[in-house]
Amino acid sequence: MGTDTVRTDAADEAAGRRREQRGWYFYDWACSVYSTSVLTVFLGPYLTSVAEEAADAEGFVHPLGIPVRAGSFFAYSVSLSVIVAVLVMPLVGAAADRSGRKKPLLAAAAYLGATATTAMFFLGGDRYLLGGLLLIVANAAQSVAMMLYNSYLPQIAPPEERDAVSSRGWAFGYASGSLMLIVNLVLYLAHDSFGVSEGMAVRICLASAGLWWGGFALIPLRRLRDRRSTKDDRADREPRAMGFRQLAATVRDMRRHPLTLAFLLAYLIYNDGIQTVISQASIYGSEELGLGQSTLIGAVLLVQVLAVAGALTMGRLARIYGAKRTILGSLVAWTVTLAAGYFLPAGAPVWFFVLAAGIGLVLGGSQALSRSLFSHLVPPGKEAEYFSAYEMSDRGMSWLGPLLFGLTYQLTGSYRDAIISLVAFFVIGFALLARVPVRRAISDAGNPVPTRI
């Protein structure tokens, strides 16, 4: 009878874990529409056109009296949003670990971002400052929410399941992005039939992403469970002073795990390149290659569809070759694909679709496997705290790429020069990751080492 009870408890625990995992997938489903429709497709070209409407005769806008080329305003706004996230994420992550209450913080960040995204409906005319402000709020909130969301992974999946669970989460996200992009494409191409202008169609697409994000976020918020913190909870006695002290303590603690820190450095570099390609590809296609909005939407839709298959395929490859080798292979593919993008002829959508296909096949897998690999390197009980540092690398520190992209364009006036400058992130990231002994890093963090990693 005792054995039967143990088996029943184990079965109940497994069923509860699977329920949480299915709920966890749905946050990727909820928020990926923002990354796809807003950040990747519509907001870059649209905000750039709004900034150009407000520009002076030399093509500059002047936020806070600073001369900024209108074509660089979007990239600079993305960069500033990430700096804001850098300041907030460690404090939120430390508070989540101390209290064990991640869900209220996840809900606050998710709905702040969803509200700012929905408010993009009011972006029009020459309101480039409003667009920049909403972008900063939405992108920073998305970064904080993703940090909290990612920190659930070590708690809802045992080590042998994490590559698969993480890959399914990314696949859910890309499937969601594909579905909404199809709807966006129909509205944008047939906007006259719906009785709306092209600009109004874009604004509806932006706002619908915020409504989608907020609506589907309810599912993970219902299914995920908070775990009580096992650490000494001093937050009640020092509710405000602990924030920056904990940030300093997190940095000191990470120095005790130098191999985890080495992985983060490598990830910071190569993911900066990935995030910049995602956020700036539409501007490159529209401004440098002269492609229309419908072509850009179609290309991003192709990326989303192939990223679902790519994430699942690379998850299977990781079971055969290990996550580290699979990620290194994806970085080689990123380098080749991005270098090829420099030579794309203007006005040739077919070659742009070929480039999009290459990006789609490696995009989801490289991100999903990086997330699952890092989850093995986190000391137990410090998931949100360490994932705040990871999210700095994922989004929080990804201000260098947009800044380099914007500066290169400002200095040269060429988006081709701006795009080729990003190759350095993948080459350096590959070299740094290759030097990390991940098995020893996992052991040093106090976690069991999987058979294949």
Protein backbone atom coordinates (compact mmCIF):
# COMPACT_ATOMS: atom_id res chain seq x y z
CA MET A 1 0.00 0.00 0.00
CA GLY A 2 2.88 2.28 0.76
CA THR A 3 4.31 1.63 -2.70
CA ASP A 4 0.95 2.37 -4.30
CA THR A 5 0.76 5.65 -2.38
CA VAL A 6 4.22 6.65 -3.55
CA ARG A 7 3.31 5.83 -7.14
CA THR A 8 0.08 7.80 -6.86
CA ASP A 9 1.91 10.81 -5.41
CA ALA A 10 4.52 10.61 -8.18
CA ALA A 11 1.80 10.42 -10.83
CA ASP A 12 -0.03 13.38 -9.30
CA GLU A 13 3.20 15.36 -9.19
CA ALA A 14 3.95 14.56 -12.84
CA ALA A 15 0.40 15.53 -13.86
CA GLY A 16 0.68 18.80 -11.96
CA ARG A 17 4.04 19.51 -13.58
CA ARG A 18 2.64 18.90 -17.06
CA ARG A 19 -0.28 21.22 -16.33
CA GLU A 20 2.12 23.95 -15.28
CA GLN A 21 4.25 23.36 -18.35
CA ARG A 22 1.24 23.74 -20.64
CA GLY A 23 0.30 26.96 -18.88
CA TRP A 24 3.91 28.16 -19.12
CA TYR A 25 3.92 27.65 -22.89
CA PHE A 26 1.01 30.06 -23.20
CA TYR A 27 3.01 33.05 -22.03
CA ASP A 28 5.21 32.59 -25.10
CA TRP A 29 1.95 32.37 -27.07
CA ALA A 30 0.73 35.61 -25.48
CA CYS A 31 3.77 37.86 -25.70
CA SER A 32 5.44 36.70 -28.91
CA VAL A 33 2.90 38.65 -30.95
CA TYR A 34 4.46 41.82 -29.51
CA SER A 35 7.94 40.74 -30.57
CA THR A 36 6.72 39.72 -34.03
CA SER A 37 4.03 42.16 -35.12
CA VAL A 38 5.20 45.21 -33.17
CA LEU A 39 8.96 45.10 -32.77
CA THR A 40 9.89 43.15 -35.88
CA VAL A 41 7.34 44.17 -38.52
CA PHE A 42 5.25 47.28 -38.00
CA LEU A 43 6.68 49.65 -35.43
CA GLY A 44 10.16 50.15 -36.92
CA PRO A 45 9.07 51.36 -40.38
CA TYR A 46 5.99 53.16 -39.03
CA LEU A 47 7.77 55.00 -36.22
CA THR A 48 10.53 55.91 -38.67
CA SER A 49 7.93 57.41 -41.04
CA VAL A 50 6.39 59.36 -38.14
CA ALA A 51 9.84 60.65 -37.16
CA GLU A 52 10.53 61.63 -40.78
CA GLU A 53 7.24 63.55 -40.79
CA ALA A 54 8.50 65.55 -37.81
CA ALA A 55 12.07 65.94 -39.11
CA ASP A 56 13.65 69.22 -40.15
CA ALA A 57 14.98 70.00 -43.63
CA GLU A 58 18.21 68.07 -42.91
CA GLY A 59 16.28 64.93 -41.84
CA PHE A 60 16.86 65.32 -38.09
CA VAL A 61 14.44 65.27 -35.16
CA HIS A 62 15.39 66.87 -31.84
CA PRO A 63 14.16 64.94 -28.78
CA LEU A 64 15.21 66.88 -25.68
CA GLY A 65 17.16 69.18 -28.00
CA ILE A 66 19.45 66.35 -29.20
CA PRO A 67 19.86 66.11 -32.99
CA VAL A 68 18.96 62.58 -34.12
CA ARG A 69 18.66 61.39 -37.70
CA ALA A 70 15.04 60.29 -38.18
CA GLY A 71 16.18 56.93 -39.56
CA SER A 72 18.06 56.20 -36.32
CA PHE A 73 15.29 57.18 -33.88
CA PHE A 74 13.74 53.71 -33.67
CA ALA A 75 17.10 52.00 -33.03
CA TYR A 76 17.98 54.52 -30.32
CA SER A 77 14.56 54.04 -28.68
CA VAL A 78 15.09 50.29 -28.56
CA SER A 79 18.52 50.85 -27.04
CA LEU A 80 17.12 53.21 -24.37
CA SER A 81 14.32 50.77 -23.50
CA VAL A 82 16.89 48.10 -22.80
CA ILE A 83 18.90 50.39 -20.51
CA VAL A 84 15.70 51.03 -18.51
CA ALA A 85 15.18 47.27 -18.26
CA VAL A 86 18.75 46.79 -17.03
CA LEU A 87 18.02 49.08 -14.07
CA VAL A 88 14.74 47.35 -13.15
CA MET A 89 15.26 43.63 -13.77
CA PRO A 90 17.79 42.81 -11.02
CA LEU A 91 15.59 44.47 -8.41
CA VAL A 92 12.46 42.62 -9.52
CA GLY A 93 14.35 39.32 -9.80
CA ALA A 94 15.79 39.63 -6.30
CA ALA A 95 12.36 40.54 -4.88
CA ALA A 96 10.79 37.52 -6.60
CA ASP A 97 13.36 35.12 -5.13
CA ARG A 98 13.12 36.60 -1.63
CA SER A 99 9.32 36.52 -1.50
CA GLY A 100 8.68 33.47 -3.67
CA ARG A 101 5.82 35.44 -5.28
CA LYS A 102 6.62 35.71 -8.96
CA LYS A 103 3.09 35.71 -10.32
CA PRO A 104 2.01 39.17 -9.08
CA LEU A 105 5.22 40.67 -10.48
CA LEU A 106 4.77 38.78 -13.77
CA ALA A 107 1.19 40.05 -14.01
CA ALA A 108 2.21 43.66 -13.33
CA ALA A 109 4.97 43.62 -15.97
CA ALA A 110 2.87 41.81 -18.56
CA TYR A 111 -0.11 44.16 -18.26
CA LEU A 112 2.03 47.29 -18.22
CA GLY A 113 3.61 46.17 -21.48
CA ALA A 114 0.26 45.12 -22.98
CA THR A 115 -1.30 48.47 -22.08
CA ALA A 116 1.57 50.46 -23.63
CA THR A 117 1.33 48.34 -26.78
CA THR A 118 -2.43 48.82 -27.05
CA ALA A 119 -1.91 52.59 -26.65
CA MET A 120 0.19 52.57 -29.84
CA PHE A 121 -3.16 52.89 -31.61
CA PHE A 122 -2.85 56.62 -30.88
CA LEU A 123 0.52 56.93 -32.63
CA GLY A 124 0.07 59.04 -35.74
CA GLY A 125 0.92 62.29 -37.46
CA ASP A 126 4.24 63.56 -36.13
CA ARG A 127 3.93 62.03 -32.62
CA TYR A 128 7.31 60.34 -32.73
CA LEU A 129 8.00 61.17 -29.06
CA LEU A 130 4.82 59.36 -28.01
CA GLY A 131 5.88 56.38 -30.11
CA GLY A 132 9.34 56.37 -28.55
CA LEU A 133 7.91 56.57 -25.02
CA LEU A 134 5.43 53.73 -25.59
CA LEU A 135 8.18 51.61 -27.14
CA ILE A 136 10.46 52.19 -24.14
CA VAL A 137 7.70 51.24 -21.65
CA ALA A 138 6.49 48.19 -23.61
CA ASN A 139 9.95 46.82 -24.35
CA ALA A 140 11.22 47.29 -20.79
CA ALA A 141 8.09 45.66 -19.36
CA GLN A 142 8.45 42.76 -21.79
CA SER A 143 12.02 42.23 -20.64
CA VAL A 144 11.02 42.15 -16.97
CA ALA A 145 8.11 39.79 -17.65
CA MET A 146 10.28 37.43 -19.70
CA MET A 147 12.87 37.33 -16.93
CA LEU A 148 10.20 36.16 -14.46
CA TYR A 149 8.68 33.76 -17.00
CA ASN A 150 12.04 32.16 -17.81
CA SER A 151 12.85 31.70 -14.13
CA TYR A 152 9.98 29.20 -13.84
CA LEU A 153 11.76 26.75 -16.19
CA PRO A 154 14.03 25.09 -13.57
CA GLN A 155 11.02 24.72 -11.27
CA ILE A 156 8.55 23.14 -13.71
CA ALA A 157 10.91 20.83 -15.66
CA PRO A 158 13.54 18.38 -14.39
CA PRO A 159 16.98 18.56 -16.09
CA GLU A 160 16.27 15.87 -18.68
CA GLU A 161 13.10 17.68 -19.89
CA ARG A 162 14.32 21.25 -20.11
CA ASP A 163 15.60 21.32 -23.72
CA ALA A 164 12.27 19.91 -24.92
CA VAL A 165 10.11 22.13 -22.69
CA SER A 166 12.04 25.28 -23.61
CA SER A 167 11.87 24.41 -27.33
CA ARG A 168 8.11 23.82 -27.12
CA GLY A 169 7.69 27.21 -25.48
CA TRP A 170 9.51 28.93 -28.33
CA ALA A 171 7.50 26.88 -30.86
CA PHE A 172 4.25 28.05 -29.22
CA GLY A 173 5.48 31.63 -29.50
CA TYR A 174 6.37 31.39 -33.16
CA ALA A 175 3.08 29.64 -33.96
CA SER A 176 1.24 32.50 -32.25
CA GLY A 177 3.26 35.09 -34.15
CA SER A 178 2.49 33.32 -37.43
CA LEU A 179 -1.24 33.24 -36.75
CA MET A 180 -1.45 36.94 -35.88
CA LEU A 181 0.75 37.91 -38.83
CA ILE A 182 -1.67 36.21 -41.20
CA VAL A 183 -4.49 38.31 -39.74
CA ASN A 184 -2.30 41.43 -39.94
CA LEU A 185 -1.40 40.69 -43.55
CA VAL A 186 -5.05 40.35 -44.55
CA LEU A 187 -5.95 43.65 -42.84
CA TYR A 188 -2.95 45.51 -44.23
CA LEU A 189 -3.30 44.33 -47.84
CA ALA A 190 -7.08 44.77 -47.92
CA HIS A 191 -7.31 47.90 -45.78
CA ASP A 192 -9.33 49.70 -48.46
CA SER A 193 -11.89 46.90 -48.42
CA PHE A 194 -12.22 47.35 -44.66
CA GLY A 195 -12.66 51.10 -45.08
CA VAL A 196 -9.47 52.12 -43.25
CA SER A 197 -6.32 53.90 -44.36
CA GLU A 198 -2.93 52.22 -44.51
CA GLY A 199 -1.78 54.10 -41.41
CA MET A 200 -4.93 53.15 -39.51
CA ALA A 201 -4.41 49.50 -40.49
CA VAL A 202 -0.90 49.60 -39.02
CA ARG A 203 -2.17 51.20 -35.81
CA ILE A 204 -4.88 48.52 -35.48
CA CYS A 205 -2.22 45.83 -35.93
CA LEU A 206 -0.09 47.42 -33.20
CA ALA A 207 -3.01 47.71 -30.75
CA SER A 208 -4.26 44.18 -31.44
CA ALA A 209 -0.89 42.81 -30.33
CA GLY A 210 -1.38 44.45 -26.93
CA LEU A 211 -4.90 43.04 -26.58
CA TRP A 212 -3.67 39.56 -27.56
CA TRP A 213 -0.79 39.79 -25.06
CA GLY A 214 -3.06 40.82 -22.19
CA GLY A 215 -5.80 38.31 -23.00
CA PHE A 216 -3.71 35.15 -23.29
CA ALA A 217 -1.48 36.09 -20.34
CA LEU A 218 -4.41 35.04 -18.14
CA ILE A 219 -3.72 31.35 -18.88
CA PRO A 220 -0.19 31.13 -17.42
CA LEU A 221 -1.19 33.39 -14.55
CA ARG A 222 -3.90 30.86 -13.63
CA ARG A 223 -1.75 27.73 -13.99
CA LEU A 224 1.70 28.64 -12.70
CA ARG A 225 2.32 28.18 -8.97
CA ASP A 226 4.39 30.33 -6.66
CA ARG A 227 6.93 28.51 -4.51
CA ARG A 228 7.73 29.70 -1.03
CA SER A 229 11.24 31.06 -0.73
CA THR A 230 13.62 29.01 1.42
CA LYS A 231 15.96 31.94 1.91
CA ASP A 232 15.93 34.34 4.85
CA ASP A 233 13.24 36.81 3.87
CA ARG A 234 14.45 40.21 4.99
CA ALA A 235 12.25 42.02 2.49
CA ASP A 236 9.53 42.62 5.06
CA ARG A 237 11.98 44.38 7.37
CA GLU A 238 13.78 46.31 4.64
CA PRO A 239 11.34 46.64 1.77
CA ARG A 240 13.16 49.38 -0.11
CA ALA A 241 16.78 49.24 0.94
CA MET A 242 17.17 45.58 -0.03
CA GLY A 243 16.79 46.19 -3.77
CA PHE A 244 20.17 47.63 -4.62
CA ARG A 245 21.89 45.64 -1.87
CA GLN A 246 20.55 42.47 -3.44
CA LEU A 247 21.71 43.61 -6.87
CA ALA A 248 25.24 44.02 -5.54
CA ALA A 249 24.96 40.66 -3.75
CA THR A 250 23.83 38.97 -6.98
CA VAL A 251 26.87 40.29 -8.82
CA ARG A 252 29.17 39.12 -6.01
CA ASP A 253 27.51 35.71 -5.94
CA MET A 254 27.89 35.27 -9.69
CA ARG A 255 31.62 35.84 -9.29
CA ARG A 256 31.63 32.65 -7.20
CA HIS A 257 30.40 30.82 -10.32
CA PRO A 258 32.83 32.05 -13.00
CA LEU A 259 31.80 29.44 -15.56
CA THR A 260 28.15 30.53 -15.33
CA LEU A 261 29.38 34.08 -15.77
CA ALA A 262 31.47 32.99 -18.78
CA PHE A 263 28.39 31.49 -20.44
CA LEU A 264 26.44 34.70 -19.79
CA LEU A 265 29.19 36.77 -21.40
CA ALA A 266 29.14 34.59 -24.52
CA TYR A 267 25.34 34.70 -24.63
CA LEU A 268 25.34 38.47 -24.12
CA ILE A 269 27.47 38.89 -27.22
CA TYR A 270 25.80 36.53 -29.70
CA ASN A 271 22.25 37.22 -28.53
CA ASP A 272 22.85 40.95 -28.89
CA GLY A 273 23.35 40.22 -32.58
CA ILE A 274 20.20 38.08 -32.74
CA GLN A 275 18.01 40.69 -31.06
CA THR A 276 19.34 43.47 -33.28
CA VAL A 277 18.66 41.48 -36.45
CA ILE A 278 15.10 40.84 -35.22
CA SER A 279 14.39 44.49 -34.42
CA GLN A 280 16.14 46.10 -37.40
CA ALA A 281 15.43 43.65 -40.26
CA SER A 282 12.25 45.45 -41.35
CA ILE A 283 14.03 48.80 -41.56
CA TYR A 284 16.82 47.18 -43.60
CA GLY A 285 14.27 45.64 -45.95
CA SER A 286 12.16 48.77 -46.38
CA GLU A 287 14.81 51.50 -46.41
CA GLU A 288 17.82 49.78 -48.02
CA LEU A 289 16.23 47.11 -50.22
CA GLY A 290 13.12 49.13 -51.13
CA LEU A 291 10.69 46.33 -50.25
CA GLY A 292 7.03 47.00 -49.54
CA GLN A 293 5.29 46.37 -46.23
CA SER A 294 3.42 43.36 -47.58
CA THR A 295 6.71 41.74 -48.62
CA LEU A 296 8.18 42.37 -45.17
CA ILE A 297 5.14 40.88 -43.46
CA GLY A 298 5.32 37.83 -45.72
CA ALA A 299 9.03 37.38 -44.99
CA VAL A 300 8.51 37.62 -41.24
CA LEU A 301 5.60 35.17 -41.52
CA LEU A 302 7.98 32.75 -43.25
CA VAL A 303 10.46 33.23 -40.40
CA GLN A 304 7.75 32.44 -37.84
CA VAL A 305 6.56 29.28 -39.60
CA LEU A 306 10.07 27.91 -40.12
CA ALA A 307 11.10 28.91 -36.57
CA VAL A 308 8.50 26.49 -35.17
CA ALA A 309 10.05 23.61 -37.10
CA GLY A 310 13.56 24.93 -36.41
CA ALA A 311 13.05 25.11 -32.65
CA LEU A 312 11.66 21.56 -32.46
CA THR A 313 14.32 20.18 -34.81
CA MET A 314 17.18 21.79 -32.91
CA GLY A 315 15.67 20.45 -29.69
CA ARG A 316 15.98 16.94 -31.15
CA LEU A 317 19.51 17.65 -32.38
CA ALA A 318 20.45 18.72 -28.85
CA ARG A 319 19.42 15.29 -27.56
CA ILE A 320 21.88 13.72 -30.02
CA TYR A 321 24.79 16.18 -30.08
CA GLY A 322 24.22 18.21 -26.91
CA ALA A 323 22.90 21.74 -26.48
CA LYS A 324 26.29 23.44 -26.63
CA ARG A 325 27.34 21.93 -29.96
CA THR A 326 23.93 22.62 -31.46
CA ILE A 327 24.08 26.28 -30.40
CA LEU A 328 27.59 26.63 -31.85
CA GLY A 329 26.34 25.23 -35.15
CA SER A 330 23.49 27.76 -35.15
CA LEU A 331 25.97 30.62 -34.66
CA VAL A 332 27.87 29.53 -37.76
CA ALA A 333 24.58 29.57 -39.67
CA TRP A 334 23.76 33.06 -38.29
CA THR A 335 27.13 34.39 -39.44
CA VAL A 336 26.76 33.01 -42.96
CA THR A 337 23.17 34.22 -43.27
CA LEU A 338 23.91 37.73 -42.05
CA ALA A 339 26.96 38.08 -44.30
CA ALA A 340 24.81 37.02 -47.25
CA GLY A 341 22.28 39.69 -46.30
CA TYR A 342 24.87 42.39 -46.99
CA PHE A 343 24.94 41.42 -50.66
CA LEU A 344 21.18 41.19 -51.23
CA PRO A 345 20.16 43.20 -54.31
CA ALA A 346 17.63 45.97 -53.83
CA GLY A 347 14.13 45.36 -55.10
CA ALA A 348 14.53 41.55 -55.15
CA PRO A 349 11.99 40.05 -52.74
CA VAL A 350 12.83 36.44 -53.68
CA TRP A 351 16.33 36.70 -52.22
CA PHE A 352 14.96 38.44 -49.14
CA PHE A 353 12.65 35.44 -48.64
CA VAL A 354 15.64 33.10 -48.97
CA LEU A 355 17.42 35.09 -46.28
CA ALA A 356 14.29 34.98 -44.09
CA ALA A 357 14.17 31.19 -44.46
CA GLY A 358 17.76 30.90 -43.23
CA ILE A 359 17.01 33.07 -40.22
CA GLY A 360 13.84 31.15 -39.38
CA LEU A 361 15.56 27.77 -39.30
CA VAL A 362 18.07 28.84 -36.63
CA LEU A 363 16.23 31.59 -34.74
CA GLY A 364 13.97 29.64 -32.39
CA GLY A 365 16.41 26.84 -31.69
CA SER A 366 19.36 29.03 -30.79
CA GLN A 367 17.23 30.98 -28.30
CA ALA A 368 15.40 27.97 -26.83
CA LEU A 369 18.56 25.91 -26.28
CA SER A 370 20.40 28.88 -24.76
CA ARG A 371 17.58 29.29 -22.24
CA SER A 372 17.52 25.61 -21.30
CA LEU A 373 21.32 25.37 -21.11
CA PHE A 374 21.48 28.35 -18.76
CA SER A 375 18.82 26.79 -16.51
CA HIS A 376 21.37 24.06 -15.67
CA LEU A 377 23.90 26.70 -14.59
CA VAL A 378 21.67 28.42 -12.00
CA PRO A 379 22.34 27.62 -8.31
CA PRO A 380 19.16 26.16 -6.72
CA GLY A 381 16.93 28.77 -5.04
CA LYS A 382 18.26 31.69 -7.09
CA GLU A 383 16.28 31.20 -10.29
CA ALA A 384 14.69 34.66 -10.69
CA GLU A 385 17.80 36.41 -9.43
CA TYR A 386 20.05 34.69 -11.97
CA PHE A 387 17.50 34.84 -14.76
CA SER A 388 17.43 38.61 -14.28
CA ALA A 389 21.09 38.55 -15.31
CA TYR A 390 20.20 36.20 -18.16
CA GLU A 391 17.44 38.50 -19.32
CA MET A 392 19.93 41.38 -19.33
CA SER A 393 21.83 39.29 -21.85
CA ASP A 394 18.64 38.28 -23.67
CA ARG A 395 17.09 41.74 -23.87
CA GLY A 396 18.52 43.88 -21.12
CA MET A 397 22.05 44.21 -22.47
CA SER A 398 20.95 44.14 -26.10
CA TRP A 399 21.38 47.88 -26.44
CA LEU A 400 24.88 47.58 -27.93
CA GLY A 401 23.65 46.08 -31.20
CA PRO A 402 20.90 48.66 -31.89
CA LEU A 403 23.29 51.41 -30.79
CA LEU A 404 26.00 50.16 -33.17
CA PHE A 405 23.42 49.77 -35.94
CA GLY A 406 22.10 53.30 -35.40
CA LEU A 407 25.54 54.88 -35.11
CA THR A 408 26.83 53.09 -38.20
CA TYR A 409 23.88 54.35 -40.21
CA GLN A 410 24.21 57.85 -38.77
CA LEU A 411 27.90 57.98 -39.72
CA THR A 412 27.71 56.26 -43.12
CA GLY A 413 24.13 56.72 -44.25
CA SER A 414 24.18 53.04 -45.35
CA TYR A 415 22.03 50.31 -43.85
CA ARG A 416 24.28 47.73 -45.55
CA ASP A 417 27.21 48.92 -43.47
CA ALA A 418 24.96 48.83 -40.40
CA ILE A 419 23.84 45.23 -41.01
CA ILE A 420 27.32 43.85 -41.72
CA SER A 421 28.65 45.36 -38.50
CA LEU A 422 26.53 42.82 -36.58
CA VAL A 423 28.58 39.83 -37.83
CA ALA A 424 31.13 40.58 -35.10
CA PHE A 425 28.61 39.64 -32.39
CA PHE A 426 28.22 36.10 -33.73
CA VAL A 427 31.92 35.51 -34.32
CA ILE A 428 32.95 36.71 -30.86
CA GLY A 429 30.04 34.91 -29.19
CA PHE A 430 31.04 31.63 -30.88
CA ALA A 431 34.63 31.96 -29.70
CA LEU A 432 33.59 32.66 -26.10
CA LEU A 433 30.97 29.89 -25.90
CA ALA A 434 33.37 27.31 -27.34
CA ARG A 435 35.68 27.91 -24.36
CA VAL A 436 33.01 27.23 -21.67
CA PRO A 437 33.22 23.68 -20.14
CA VAL A 438 29.48 23.32 -19.57
CA ARG A 439 29.57 19.98 -17.73
CA ARG A 440 31.92 21.41 -15.12
CA ALA A 441 29.85 24.62 -14.99
CA ILE A 442 26.70 22.62 -14.17
CA SER A 443 28.50 20.64 -11.48
CA ASP A 444 30.01 23.79 -9.95
CA ALA A 445 26.51 25.33 -9.75
CA GLY A 446 25.39 22.38 -7.60
CA ASN A 447 23.11 20.76 -10.19
CA PRO A 448 23.01 17.19 -11.59
CA VAL A 449 24.81 16.87 -14.93
CA PRO A 450 22.61 15.44 -17.72
CA THR A 451 23.96 12.55 -19.78
CA ARG A 452 23.97 14.69 -22.92
CA ILE A 453 24.67 18.43 -22.67
